[in-house]
Protein backbone atom coordinates (compact mmCIF):
# COMPACT_ATOMS: atom_id res chain seq x y z
CA MET A 1 -35.17 -39.05 -68.01
CA ILE A 2 -32.74 -39.49 -70.89
CA SER A 3 -34.08 -41.69 -73.67
CA ILE A 4 -31.59 -44.41 -74.74
CA SER A 5 -32.22 -46.86 -77.57
CA PRO A 6 -32.53 -50.54 -76.52
CA PRO A 7 -29.27 -51.68 -78.21
CA PHE A 8 -27.27 -49.06 -76.31
CA ARG A 9 -29.01 -50.00 -73.06
CA LYS A 10 -27.95 -53.61 -73.54
CA ILE A 11 -24.30 -52.86 -74.21
CA SER A 12 -24.00 -50.03 -71.65
CA PRO A 13 -22.49 -52.29 -68.93
CA LEU A 14 -19.84 -53.49 -71.40
CA LEU A 15 -19.05 -49.95 -72.52
CA VAL A 16 -18.73 -48.68 -68.94
CA ALA A 17 -16.55 -51.63 -67.93
CA PHE A 18 -14.32 -51.47 -71.02
CA PRO A 19 -11.92 -48.73 -69.77
CA VAL A 20 -11.64 -50.50 -66.40
CA VAL A 21 -10.74 -53.83 -68.03
CA CYS A 22 -8.20 -52.14 -70.35
CA PHE A 23 -6.54 -50.45 -67.39
CA LEU A 24 -6.43 -53.70 -65.42
CA ALA A 25 -4.83 -55.41 -68.43
CA LEU A 26 -2.09 -52.77 -68.43
CA VAL A 27 -1.49 -53.29 -64.71
CA LEU A 28 -1.08 -57.02 -65.34
CA LEU A 29 1.18 -56.42 -68.35
CA PHE A 30 3.44 -53.57 -67.23
CA VAL A 31 3.78 -53.92 -63.46
CA ASP A 32 6.60 -56.01 -62.06
CA ASN A 33 8.20 -56.51 -58.66
CA ILE A 34 10.77 -53.73 -59.03
CA PRO A 35 11.10 -50.61 -56.85
CA TRP A 36 12.04 -47.19 -58.16
CA MET A 37 13.73 -44.20 -56.48
CA ASP A 38 11.68 -43.16 -53.41
CA ASP A 39 10.29 -46.70 -53.11
CA LEU A 40 13.61 -47.80 -51.62
CA GLU A 41 13.50 -45.63 -48.52
CA SER A 42 9.72 -45.71 -48.18
CA PHE A 43 9.31 -49.50 -48.30
CA PHE A 44 12.66 -51.24 -47.81
CA GLY A 45 13.93 -48.74 -45.26
CA PHE A 46 10.64 -48.76 -43.38
CA LEU A 47 10.25 -52.54 -43.28
CA ILE A 48 13.83 -53.11 -42.11
CA ASN A 49 13.51 -50.55 -39.31
CA TYR A 50 10.03 -51.75 -38.33
CA THR A 51 11.03 -55.41 -38.05
CA ARG A 52 14.12 -54.46 -36.02
CA ALA A 53 12.05 -52.44 -33.53
CA ASP A 54 11.55 -54.21 -30.18
CA SER A 55 8.76 -52.17 -28.63
CA LEU A 56 5.31 -51.08 -29.74
CA SER A 57 6.29 -47.41 -29.40
CA GLU A 58 9.26 -47.93 -31.74
CA LYS A 59 7.07 -49.69 -34.28
CA MET A 60 4.53 -46.85 -34.12
CA HIS A 61 7.40 -44.41 -34.64
CA TRP A 62 8.43 -46.11 -37.87
CA LEU A 63 4.81 -46.23 -39.04
CA LEU A 64 4.34 -42.51 -38.57
CA VAL A 65 7.81 -41.04 -39.17
CA PRO A 66 7.89 -38.81 -42.31
CA ASN A 67 9.49 -40.00 -45.53
CA ASN A 68 10.78 -36.94 -47.37
CA GLU A 69 7.95 -34.40 -46.95
CA HIS A 70 5.09 -36.83 -46.27
CA ARG A 71 3.87 -39.28 -43.70
CA ILE A 72 2.72 -42.36 -45.63
CA LEU A 73 0.67 -44.44 -43.19
CA PHE A 74 -1.59 -46.09 -45.77
CA ALA A 75 1.42 -47.20 -47.85
CA LYS A 76 3.16 -48.61 -44.79
CA LEU A 77 0.06 -50.42 -43.55
CA SER A 78 -0.34 -51.98 -47.01
CA THR A 79 3.30 -53.09 -46.88
CA LEU A 80 2.84 -54.63 -43.44
CA PHE A 81 -0.35 -56.41 -44.49
CA PHE A 82 1.41 -58.31 -47.28
CA TYR A 83 4.55 -58.85 -45.21
CA LYS A 84 2.57 -60.39 -42.33
CA LEU A 85 0.54 -62.45 -44.80
CA THR A 86 3.38 -63.75 -46.98
CA GLY A 87 6.70 -62.69 -45.44
CA LEU A 88 7.50 -60.79 -48.67
CA LEU A 89 7.70 -57.24 -49.96
CA ASN A 90 6.21 -57.30 -53.45
CA PHE A 91 5.76 -54.07 -55.40
CA ARG A 92 3.42 -55.71 -57.87
CA TRP A 93 0.97 -56.39 -55.08
CA LEU A 94 1.29 -52.84 -53.76
CA ILE A 95 0.36 -51.43 -57.14
CA PHE A 96 -2.64 -53.76 -57.25
CA VAL A 97 -3.72 -52.13 -53.98
CA ALA A 98 -3.42 -48.77 -55.73
CA PHE A 99 -5.55 -50.07 -58.60
CA GLY A 100 -8.10 -51.07 -55.97
CA CYS A 101 -8.04 -47.46 -54.73
CA THR A 102 -8.85 -46.26 -58.25
CA VAL A 103 -11.74 -48.70 -58.40
CA ALA A 104 -12.93 -47.42 -55.00
CA ILE A 105 -12.89 -43.84 -56.36
CA TRP A 106 -14.90 -45.08 -59.35
CA LEU A 107 -17.40 -46.75 -57.00
CA VAL A 108 -18.03 -43.68 -54.86
CA LEU A 109 -18.62 -41.68 -58.04
CA TYR A 110 -21.00 -44.42 -59.17
CA ARG A 111 -22.86 -44.19 -55.86
CA VAL A 112 -23.33 -40.47 -56.50
CA PHE A 113 -24.41 -41.14 -60.09
CA ARG A 114 -26.80 -43.95 -59.19
CA SER A 115 -28.91 -41.65 -57.03
CA MET A 116 -29.70 -39.60 -60.16
CA ARG A 117 -31.56 -42.57 -61.69
CA LEU A 118 -30.18 -41.98 -65.16
CA PRO A 119 -29.31 -44.61 -67.79
CA LEU A 120 -26.00 -46.36 -67.13
CA LEU A 121 -24.60 -45.07 -70.42
CA ALA A 122 -24.41 -41.62 -68.86
CA PHE A 123 -21.71 -42.96 -66.52
CA LEU A 124 -19.42 -43.89 -69.43
CA PRO A 125 -17.52 -40.54 -69.42
CA VAL A 126 -16.52 -41.17 -65.80
CA SER A 127 -14.96 -44.52 -66.70
CA LEU A 128 -13.20 -43.05 -69.72
CA MET A 129 -11.72 -40.06 -67.89
CA LEU A 130 -10.77 -41.95 -64.73
CA PHE A 131 -9.20 -45.07 -66.25
CA GLN A 132 -6.79 -43.40 -68.67
CA LEU A 133 -3.01 -43.18 -68.70
CA GLN A 134 -2.26 -39.49 -68.21
CA TYR A 135 -1.46 -40.02 -64.53
CA ARG A 136 0.52 -43.21 -65.17
CA LEU A 137 3.20 -42.20 -62.63
CA THR A 138 0.46 -42.08 -60.00
CA SER A 139 -0.90 -45.48 -61.02
CA PHE A 140 2.22 -47.51 -61.85
CA TRP A 141 4.73 -46.29 -59.26
CA ALA A 142 4.17 -47.75 -55.80
CA ILE A 143 5.01 -44.79 -53.58
CA THR A 144 3.05 -42.19 -55.56
CA ALA A 145 0.17 -44.61 -56.16
CA LEU A 146 -0.26 -45.34 -52.45
CA GLN A 147 -0.25 -41.64 -51.69
CA HIS A 148 -2.28 -39.79 -54.33
CA LEU A 149 -4.75 -42.55 -55.16
CA ALA A 150 -5.17 -43.76 -51.59
CA VAL A 151 -5.65 -40.28 -50.10
CA THR A 152 -8.09 -39.24 -52.83
CA MET A 153 -10.07 -42.44 -52.31
CA LEU A 154 -10.22 -41.94 -48.53
CA ILE A 155 -11.24 -38.29 -48.75
CA LEU A 156 -13.94 -38.80 -51.39
CA TRP A 157 -15.51 -41.56 -49.32
CA ALA A 158 -15.20 -39.36 -46.20
CA MET A 159 -17.01 -36.54 -48.03
CA TYR A 160 -19.66 -38.99 -49.20
CA LEU A 161 -20.32 -40.16 -45.63
CA LEU A 162 -20.09 -36.65 -44.22
CA GLY A 163 -22.57 -35.30 -46.76
CA ASN A 164 -25.24 -37.91 -46.03
CA PRO A 165 -28.26 -35.92 -44.82
CA ASN A 166 -29.77 -38.65 -42.59
CA ARG A 167 -27.70 -37.45 -39.59
CA SER A 168 -26.34 -40.90 -38.76
CA ILE A 169 -23.69 -40.61 -36.05
CA TRP A 170 -21.92 -43.70 -37.41
CA ARG A 171 -21.47 -42.15 -40.84
CA PHE A 172 -19.96 -39.11 -39.14
CA VAL A 173 -17.59 -41.31 -37.15
CA GLY A 174 -16.70 -43.24 -40.31
CA ALA A 175 -15.92 -39.99 -42.12
CA ILE A 176 -13.62 -38.93 -39.26
CA LEU A 177 -11.75 -42.25 -39.27
CA LEU A 178 -11.22 -42.12 -43.04
CA GLN A 179 -10.09 -38.51 -42.83
CA VAL A 180 -7.61 -39.24 -40.01
CA LEU A 181 -6.09 -42.09 -42.04
CA ALA A 182 -5.90 -39.82 -45.11
CA SER A 183 -4.20 -37.12 -43.04
CA PHE A 184 -1.31 -39.35 -42.05
CA SER A 185 -0.99 -40.92 -45.52
CA MET A 186 0.16 -37.82 -47.42
CA SER A 187 0.38 -34.12 -46.65
CA ASN A 188 -2.48 -33.22 -49.00
CA GLY A 189 -4.67 -35.53 -46.93
CA LEU A 190 -4.86 -32.61 -44.51
CA PHE A 191 -6.84 -30.69 -47.13
CA GLY A 192 -9.75 -33.02 -46.40
CA TRP A 193 -10.31 -31.22 -43.11
CA VAL A 194 -10.82 -27.96 -45.01
CA ALA A 195 -13.10 -29.69 -47.53
CA GLY A 196 -15.12 -31.34 -44.76
CA LEU A 197 -15.41 -28.02 -42.96
CA GLY A 198 -17.02 -26.62 -46.11
CA VAL A 199 -19.50 -29.50 -46.21
CA LEU A 200 -20.47 -29.05 -42.56
CA LEU A 201 -20.76 -25.27 -42.88
CA VAL A 202 -23.19 -25.68 -45.76
CA GLN A 203 -25.12 -28.37 -43.84
CA TRP A 204 -25.25 -26.16 -40.75
CA ARG A 205 -26.57 -23.28 -42.84
CA LEU A 206 -29.22 -25.40 -44.54
CA GLU A 207 -30.06 -28.06 -41.95
CA GLY A 208 -29.85 -26.01 -38.77
CA VAL A 209 -28.36 -26.34 -35.30
CA ASN A 210 -28.20 -30.15 -35.40
CA TYR A 211 -24.99 -29.83 -37.43
CA GLY A 212 -23.39 -27.22 -35.19
CA TRP A 213 -21.80 -29.73 -32.83
CA ARG A 214 -20.45 -31.75 -35.75
CA LEU A 215 -18.84 -28.61 -37.11
CA VAL A 216 -17.14 -27.97 -33.77
CA VAL A 217 -15.95 -31.58 -33.42
CA TRP A 218 -14.64 -31.72 -37.01
CA ALA A 219 -12.79 -28.40 -36.68
CA GLY A 220 -11.32 -29.34 -33.29
CA LEU A 221 -10.13 -32.77 -34.43
CA GLY A 222 -8.77 -31.28 -37.64
CA GLY A 223 -6.70 -28.78 -35.69
CA VAL A 224 -5.30 -31.51 -33.44
CA VAL A 225 -4.44 -33.81 -36.35
CA ILE A 226 -2.72 -31.00 -38.27
CA LEU A 227 -0.60 -30.17 -35.21
CA LEU A 228 0.29 -33.84 -34.76
CA TYR A 229 1.16 -34.19 -38.44
CA PHE A 230 3.74 -31.39 -38.30
CA HIS A 231 5.08 -32.30 -34.86
CA ASP A 232 8.80 -33.06 -35.13
CA PHE A 233 8.56 -32.61 -38.89
CA ALA A 234 12.06 -31.53 -39.89
CA ASN A 235 12.07 -31.97 -43.68
CA LEU A 236 10.05 -29.32 -45.54
CA GLN A 237 12.15 -29.62 -48.73
CA GLY A 238 12.59 -25.84 -49.00
CA ASN A 239 8.87 -25.10 -49.28
CA GLU A 240 9.42 -21.96 -47.24
CA SER A 241 11.23 -20.45 -50.24
CA SER A 242 8.10 -20.88 -52.36
CA PHE A 243 6.51 -17.82 -50.79
CA SER A 244 9.41 -15.60 -51.82
CA PHE A 245 9.10 -17.12 -55.31
CA PHE A 246 5.41 -16.17 -55.28
CA LEU A 247 6.25 -12.56 -54.42
CA GLN A 248 8.81 -12.43 -57.23
CA HIS A 249 6.68 -14.25 -59.86
CA PRO A 250 3.00 -13.87 -58.88
CA HIS A 251 1.85 -14.30 -62.49
CA LEU A 252 3.38 -17.80 -62.67
CA VAL A 253 1.49 -18.85 -59.54
CA ILE A 254 -1.81 -17.47 -60.85
CA PHE A 255 -1.39 -19.05 -64.27
CA GLY A 256 -0.15 -22.23 -62.60
CA PHE A 257 -3.43 -22.53 -60.68
CA PHE A 258 -5.43 -22.62 -63.92
CA THR A 259 -2.89 -24.76 -65.79
CA PHE A 260 -3.06 -27.34 -63.02
CA LEU A 261 -6.87 -27.42 -62.99
CA GLY A 262 -7.00 -27.78 -66.78
CA GLY A 263 -4.31 -30.46 -66.89
CA LEU A 264 -6.68 -33.07 -68.34
CA PHE A 265 -6.43 -31.13 -71.60
CA ASP A 266 -2.66 -31.55 -71.89
CA PHE A 267 -3.12 -32.94 -75.39
CA PHE A 268 0.36 -32.01 -76.69
CA PRO A 269 2.87 -33.22 -74.07
CA MET A 270 5.74 -33.33 -76.57
CA LEU A 271 5.72 -29.54 -77.13
CA GLY A 272 7.75 -27.01 -75.17
CA ILE A 273 6.17 -25.93 -71.91
CA VAL A 274 4.88 -22.55 -73.17
CA PRO A 275 2.82 -23.79 -76.16
CA ARG A 276 2.00 -26.98 -74.30
CA SER A 277 0.41 -25.14 -71.36
CA ILE A 278 -1.85 -22.83 -73.41
CA LEU A 279 -4.73 -25.29 -73.84
CA PRO A 280 -4.66 -26.58 -70.22
CA THR A 281 -4.61 -22.98 -68.91
CA LEU A 282 -7.61 -21.97 -71.02
CA ALA A 283 -9.38 -25.20 -70.04
CA GLY A 284 -8.65 -24.49 -66.36
CA ILE A 285 -10.22 -21.03 -66.67
CA ALA A 286 -13.27 -22.61 -68.38
CA CYS A 287 -13.56 -25.26 -65.63
CA VAL A 288 -13.47 -22.63 -62.87
CA ALA A 289 -16.05 -20.54 -64.73
CA LEU A 290 -18.32 -23.58 -65.13
CA LEU A 291 -17.89 -24.46 -61.46
CA PHE A 292 -18.79 -20.91 -60.43
CA TRP A 293 -21.85 -20.96 -62.70
CA LEU A 294 -23.06 -24.30 -61.35
CA PHE A 295 -22.60 -23.14 -57.76
CA ARG A 296 -24.29 -19.78 -58.38
CA THR A 297 -27.34 -21.30 -60.06
CA THR A 298 -27.85 -24.07 -57.48
CA MET A 299 -26.21 -24.00 -54.08
CA PHE A 300 -25.93 -20.21 -53.88
CA HIS A 301 -29.69 -19.67 -53.70
CA SER A 302 -30.12 -22.34 -51.06
CA LEU A 303 -27.39 -20.83 -48.89
CA TRP A 304 -28.98 -17.40 -48.87
CA GLN A 305 -32.53 -18.71 -48.61
CA PRO A 306 -32.46 -22.00 -46.65
CA SER A 307 -36.24 -22.23 -46.92
CA GLN A 308 -35.73 -22.99 -50.62
CA LYS A 309 -33.56 -26.01 -49.89
CA PRO A 310 -34.67 -28.90 -52.12
CA VAL A 311 -36.72 -31.60 -50.39
CA ASP A 312 -34.95 -34.28 -52.47
CA LYS A 313 -32.49 -35.82 -49.99
CA ASN A 314 -30.49 -37.47 -52.76
CA LEU A 315 -29.97 -34.10 -54.46
CA ASN A 316 -28.90 -32.55 -51.15
CA HIS A 317 -26.48 -35.43 -50.56
CA ARG A 318 -24.96 -34.95 -53.99
CA ARG A 319 -24.58 -31.22 -53.46
CA TYR A 320 -22.86 -31.70 -50.10
CA PHE A 321 -20.53 -34.28 -51.66
CA PHE A 322 -19.67 -31.94 -54.52
CA VAL A 323 -18.88 -29.12 -52.07
CA GLY A 324 -16.39 -31.37 -50.25
CA ALA A 325 -14.86 -32.86 -53.39
CA TYR A 326 -14.47 -29.46 -55.09
CA GLY A 327 -12.99 -28.05 -51.90
CA PHE A 328 -10.34 -30.79 -51.76
CA LEU A 329 -9.36 -30.28 -55.41
CA LEU A 330 -9.27 -26.48 -55.24
CA VAL A 331 -7.11 -26.43 -52.10
CA ASN A 332 -4.78 -28.91 -53.87
CA ALA A 333 -4.57 -26.56 -56.85
CA VAL A 334 -3.78 -23.53 -54.70
CA VAL A 335 -1.05 -25.32 -52.75
CA VAL A 336 0.56 -26.82 -55.86
CA ALA A 337 0.44 -23.46 -57.65
CA VAL A 338 2.14 -21.73 -54.70
CA LEU A 339 4.71 -24.39 -53.74
CA ARG A 340 5.74 -26.04 -56.99
CA PRO A 341 6.45 -23.49 -59.78
CA ARG A 342 9.94 -22.88 -58.35
CA PHE A 343 10.85 -26.37 -59.62
CA GLY A 344 9.89 -25.37 -63.17
CA TYR A 345 6.51 -24.59 -64.71
CA ASP A 346 6.25 -28.04 -66.29
CA VAL A 347 5.56 -29.40 -62.78
CA MET A 348 2.03 -28.03 -63.24
CA LEU A 349 1.50 -30.79 -65.83
CA ILE A 350 3.59 -33.57 -64.31
CA SER A 351 1.98 -37.01 -64.49
CA ASN A 352 2.00 -37.42 -60.68
CA TYR A 353 -0.60 -34.65 -60.29
CA MET A 354 -2.91 -35.30 -63.23
CA LEU A 355 -5.39 -37.35 -61.21
CA TYR A 356 -6.79 -34.12 -59.75
CA PRO A 357 -7.71 -32.23 -62.95
CA ALA A 358 -9.25 -35.44 -64.30
CA LEU A 359 -11.42 -35.65 -61.19
CA LEU A 360 -12.40 -32.00 -61.50
CA VAL A 361 -13.80 -32.53 -65.01
CA ILE A 362 -15.53 -35.73 -63.86
CA LEU A 363 -17.16 -33.88 -60.96
CA LEU A 364 -18.29 -31.04 -63.21
CA TYR A 365 -19.84 -33.57 -65.57
CA LEU A 366 -21.67 -35.38 -62.75
CA ASP A 367 -22.73 -32.07 -61.22
CA GLY A 368 -24.31 -31.07 -64.52
CA LEU A 369 -26.17 -34.39 -64.71
CA SER A 370 -27.36 -33.81 -61.15
CA GLU A 371 -28.65 -30.28 -61.68
CA PHE A 372 -30.06 -30.21 -65.21
CA ARG A 373 -33.71 -31.18 -65.49
CA ASP A 374 -34.61 -30.79 -69.15
CA PRO A 375 -34.25 -34.21 -70.89
CA GLN A 376 -32.88 -32.69 -74.09
CA ARG A 377 -30.30 -30.68 -72.19
CA LEU A 378 -29.34 -33.75 -70.21
CA LYS A 379 -28.91 -35.79 -73.38
CA LYS A 380 -26.70 -33.11 -74.94
CA TRP A 381 -24.63 -32.97 -71.73
CA MET A 382 -24.25 -36.76 -71.71
CA THR A 383 -23.33 -36.84 -75.41
CA SER A 384 -20.75 -34.10 -74.89
CA GLY A 385 -19.34 -36.03 -71.93
CA ILE A 386 -19.02 -39.23 -73.99
CA VAL A 387 -17.31 -37.37 -76.85
CA LEU A 388 -14.90 -35.61 -74.46
CA GLY A 389 -14.23 -38.80 -72.50
CA SER A 390 -13.51 -40.78 -75.66
CA LEU A 391 -11.19 -38.04 -76.92
CA VAL A 392 -9.28 -37.86 -73.62
CA TRP A 393 -9.04 -41.65 -73.32
CA SER A 394 -7.72 -42.05 -76.87
CA ILE A 395 -5.23 -39.19 -76.73
CA MET A 396 -3.83 -40.21 -73.36
CA TYR A 397 -3.44 -43.83 -74.41
CA PHE A 398 -1.67 -42.73 -77.60
CA HIS A 399 0.80 -40.46 -75.79
CA HIS A 400 1.36 -42.36 -72.56
CA LEU A 401 1.28 -46.04 -73.50
CA PRO A 402 4.78 -45.80 -75.05
CA MET A 403 5.98 -43.96 -71.93
CA LEU A 404 4.52 -46.71 -69.77
CA ALA A 405 6.44 -49.31 -71.77
CA ALA A 406 9.57 -47.17 -71.44
CA GLN A 407 9.08 -47.04 -67.65
CA LYS A 408 9.04 -50.82 -67.51
CA THR A 409 12.28 -51.12 -69.49
CA ILE A 410 13.95 -48.43 -67.37
CA ARG A 411 13.00 -50.28 -64.19
CA GLN A 412 14.22 -53.61 -65.54
CA THR A 413 17.59 -52.26 -66.70
CA SER A 414 17.93 -50.39 -63.41
CA VAL A 415 17.37 -53.53 -61.34
CA PHE A 416 20.04 -55.28 -63.45
CA ASN A 417 22.46 -52.46 -62.68
CA GLN A 418 21.68 -52.60 -58.96
CA LYS A 419 21.94 -56.39 -58.80
CA HIS A 420 25.33 -56.60 -60.53
CA ASN A 421 26.92 -53.22 -59.70
CA ASP A 422 25.23 -52.10 -56.45
CA LEU A 423 24.24 -48.96 -58.32
CA GLY A 424 20.77 -48.56 -59.76
CA PHE A 425 17.30 -47.10 -59.10
CA GLY A 426 18.44 -43.57 -59.98
CA ALA A 427 21.23 -43.35 -57.37
CA ILE A 428 24.43 -41.42 -58.11
CA ALA A 429 27.76 -43.21 -57.82
CA GLY A 430 29.47 -42.49 -54.51
CA SER A 431 26.42 -40.84 -52.92
CA GLU A 432 25.05 -41.59 -49.46
CA TYR A 433 21.79 -42.65 -51.10
CA ALA A 434 23.59 -45.23 -53.26
CA ALA A 435 25.22 -46.65 -50.13
CA ALA A 436 21.87 -46.71 -48.34
CA ILE A 437 20.22 -48.53 -51.27
CA LYS A 438 22.99 -51.14 -51.19
CA ARG A 439 22.40 -51.71 -47.46
CA TRP A 440 18.64 -51.99 -47.92
CA MET A 441 18.91 -54.35 -50.87
CA ASP A 442 21.51 -56.55 -49.16
CA LYS A 443 19.34 -56.73 -46.07
CA ALA A 444 16.13 -57.42 -48.00
CA THR A 445 17.59 -60.13 -50.22
CA GLY A 446 19.65 -61.59 -47.36
CA GLU A 447 16.59 -61.96 -45.13
CA GLY A 448 14.53 -63.29 -48.01
CA PHE A 449 11.65 -60.81 -48.04
CA TYR A 450 12.64 -59.52 -51.48
CA ALA A 451 14.07 -61.36 -54.50
CA TYR A 452 15.28 -59.84 -57.74
CA PRO A 453 12.74 -60.49 -60.52
CA GLN A 454 13.29 -63.41 -62.86
CA HIS A 455 10.95 -62.40 -65.68
CA THR A 456 12.80 -59.54 -67.37
CA PHE A 457 13.36 -59.09 -71.08
CA TYR A 458 17.06 -59.87 -70.68
CA ALA A 459 16.63 -62.81 -68.25
CA PRO A 460 17.49 -65.56 -70.82
CA TYR A 461 20.72 -63.73 -71.70
CA GLU A 462 21.69 -62.38 -68.27
CA GLN A 463 24.67 -64.69 -67.80
CA GLN A 464 25.81 -64.06 -71.35
CA LEU A 465 25.85 -60.34 -70.62
CA LEU A 466 27.98 -60.91 -67.53
CA ASN A 467 30.52 -63.12 -69.32
CA PRO A 468 33.67 -61.50 -70.77
CA ALA A 469 32.86 -59.61 -73.95
CA PRO A 470 33.47 -61.49 -77.21
CA PRO A 471 35.68 -59.89 -79.88
CA ALA A 472 34.32 -56.63 -81.22
CA ASP A 473 32.26 -56.72 -84.40
CA PRO A 474 34.00 -54.40 -86.91
CA ALA A 475 30.67 -53.91 -88.74
CA LEU A 476 29.05 -52.32 -85.66
CA HIS A 477 29.70 -48.58 -85.62
CA LEU A 478 28.53 -46.55 -82.64
CA MET A 479 28.65 -42.78 -82.55
CA VAL A 480 29.22 -41.33 -79.07
CA GLN A 481 28.38 -37.71 -78.29
CA GLU A 482 29.81 -36.68 -74.92
CA SER A 483 28.48 -33.86 -72.76
CA GLU A 484 29.21 -32.89 -69.19
CA ALA A 485 26.60 -35.25 -67.71
CA GLU A 486 26.17 -38.06 -70.23
CA PHE A 487 27.19 -39.99 -73.30
CA ARG A 488 24.67 -40.19 -76.13
CA VAL A 489 25.27 -43.52 -77.91
CA VAL A 490 23.77 -43.96 -81.41
CA THR A 491 24.10 -46.86 -83.85
CA GLU A 492 25.54 -45.71 -87.17
CA ASN A 493 25.50 -47.37 -90.61
CA TRP A 494 24.18 -50.62 -89.17
CA SER A 495 20.99 -52.22 -90.42
CA LEU A 496 18.52 -52.89 -87.61
CA PRO A 497 15.93 -55.69 -87.87
CA ALA A 498 12.19 -55.03 -87.95
CA GLY A 499 9.90 -55.85 -85.05
CA ILE A 500 12.24 -54.84 -82.22
CA ARG A 501 10.59 -55.53 -78.85
CA ASP A 502 13.36 -54.32 -76.52
CA ALA A 503 16.79 -52.85 -77.05
CA CYS A 504 19.47 -51.39 -74.85
CA VAL A 505 23.07 -50.24 -74.91
CA VAL A 506 25.51 -52.43 -72.97
CA VAL A 507 28.53 -50.77 -71.38
CA LYS A 508 31.07 -53.27 -70.06
CA SER A 509 34.39 -53.23 -68.24
CA ALA A 510 36.37 -55.98 -66.55
CA ARG A 511 34.46 -55.35 -63.30
CA HIS A 512 31.10 -53.91 -64.31
CA THR A 513 28.30 -54.45 -66.82
CA TYR A 514 25.49 -51.89 -67.21
CA LEU A 515 22.35 -51.68 -69.35
CA PHE A 516 20.78 -48.44 -70.62
CA PRO A 517 17.49 -48.59 -72.57
CA ALA A 518 17.22 -47.30 -76.13
CA ASP A 519 14.88 -44.35 -75.63
CA ASN A 520 13.98 -43.70 -79.28
CA LEU A 521 12.35 -47.14 -79.36
CA TYR A 522 9.42 -45.55 -77.53
CA ALA A 523 8.68 -42.73 -79.93
CA PRO A 524 5.01 -43.25 -80.93
CA LYS A 525 5.80 -43.98 -84.60
CA HIS A 526 8.29 -46.74 -83.77
CA PHE A 527 6.31 -48.04 -80.80
CA TYR A 528 3.01 -48.50 -82.65
CA LEU A 529 4.12 -49.30 -86.20
CA ARG A 530 7.09 -51.54 -85.29
CA ARG A 531 8.78 -50.61 -88.53
CA ARG A 532 12.47 -51.03 -89.24
CA MET A 533 14.28 -48.29 -87.31
CA PRO A 534 17.16 -46.28 -88.81
CA ASN A 535 19.13 -46.36 -85.56
CA LEU A 536 19.03 -46.94 -81.82
CA SER A 537 19.85 -44.18 -79.38
CA ALA A 538 20.46 -44.30 -75.62
CA ARG A 539 21.54 -41.94 -72.87
CA VAL A 540 24.40 -43.26 -70.71
CA LEU A 541 24.50 -41.10 -67.59
CA LYS A 542 27.99 -40.68 -66.18
CA SER A 543 26.72 -40.32 -62.61
CA PHE A 544 25.17 -43.80 -62.81
CA LEU A 545 28.52 -45.49 -63.56
CA HIS A 546 31.45 -46.43 -61.39
CA PRO A 547 34.71 -44.88 -62.68
CA ASP A 548 36.21 -47.23 -65.27
CA ILE A 549 36.86 -47.69 -68.99
CA TYR A 550 33.89 -49.38 -70.68
CA GLN A 551 33.44 -51.13 -74.00
CA VAL A 552 30.13 -50.32 -75.67
CA GLY A 553 27.75 -52.81 -77.24
CA ILE A 554 24.06 -53.34 -77.93
CA LEU A 555 21.34 -55.87 -77.10
CA VAL A 556 18.49 -56.08 -79.60
CA ASP A 557 15.55 -58.40 -78.86
CA THR A 558 13.11 -59.07 -81.70
CA ASN A 559 10.17 -61.42 -82.11
CA GLU A 560 12.51 -64.02 -83.64
CA ALA A 561 15.93 -63.73 -81.98
CA VAL A 562 18.25 -61.74 -79.74
CA ASP A 563 21.42 -60.06 -80.95
CA ILE A 564 24.18 -59.10 -78.50
CA ARG A 565 27.35 -57.64 -79.98
CA TYR A 566 30.11 -55.20 -79.04
CA SER A 567 31.95 -52.47 -80.89
CA ASN A 568 35.45 -51.06 -80.61
CA GLN A 569 34.01 -47.90 -79.04
CA THR A 570 34.93 -47.19 -75.41
CA LEU A 571 33.75 -44.77 -72.71
CA ASN A 572 36.11 -43.32 -70.15
CA VAL A 573 34.30 -42.52 -66.90
CA ARG A 574 36.49 -40.71 -64.38
């Protein structure tokens, strides 16, 4: 048993809960009822088609039909739950469901930890490494949140039930139901069948013939579900070309595997991809080596000599759970490393995927707590975990909190552009997707199950922005740098106030008014220190604008006042 001083024992619950409370506070602060990109098809498109369907078979079709390269049953069921309950589609509520999935992951890890009978303080690294901001796109974007977080939650609980050594048939049935739901909620949910097969193979080897029939049932059901998942599945998004990429660049796939697994150590996200990926790649190699060592010194001996299987049922349960959880993460890493490098190596460290390397380090930490017996060794392991967890939590908050704030401003300016120009949410002017978004938004707002948000940073000045532009201010000088795809607008020789909360560039014609956020406002130095900035800078993407001639202005919102003014500068979008 690890010896913990009485003061630390008393504050341990507060320390363990602190990262959870901080994360919840960010959900409350930064999440609003605004969709983004794939959310439009996945939620608006689904709900419109589902409510139009007359028969049960049609409704089931819209529940199970793929969106892009995934079936998203959990996300659609969550949408229907709130729609049936309130008659509304609210993205804020959907992201709260995703936060609940993160809490459920935390709880299953706590169930594993609790069986070790160690002081609660030893669980602190799990809270720190799970409730951090590196995978903010997974946590604060509805469609990714209700895929990655939901599927991971379902599979970890399925592995926990499957690994229970008391042979309860109901736990086995529960594991199957969770795994089936995970399978139809995202394509990587299918990896749970492989992970569960590993659990049952180990149980069959160690526990005997009683697990043989479970192995057959699990494998048979898994095969059926996989066939059903890919039945009539037309959109593979070019994944077939990934294998030719692998043959041409095998080294990128191999390095990508380790970079992905060590992604928690992406401590320098602002660097170029080559120097940035060095530390995660080395960390990934170290994690795989540690995993191999843990397996070799524990499970390996039991597999080859079942008579030496520990009599501690809790230890056996933990080992079975770890086999399943590791299996799920390693299959994920292999598939991502094979299928994704063709999009660019930085995909290995994209925020959407960083839940998985965080979980790998958490599992390795818990596995060490589970296997080590010497109290001094356990205490060193716990101390190392707390130091690492605190470092990860601090670094990820420092780097990603400004990006999270930037995401909120991007969403709010985008919903303004969609509301007043029928062109927002990342759609390109004149594209089929832009037309589809307009149809979905008109239908949703017309039928009353979605309303544009009222609590945006520009809400008090929205009508002022839409009014004809006042005379240009000769003191406002804006420098415009034009490239093929965008205009870069920068304030020049104009004194900006201190304490800017939000700022954006306004581009205005007789027919259209658009907002584009000032991106340099979210550089860490400006974001945290709130000092007087030398200039504001914004990207104005040509593809997001209807053809017209636009006058350029700025909106600057400080703690004391708002300043909206226009310059003589114009943009010609053809």
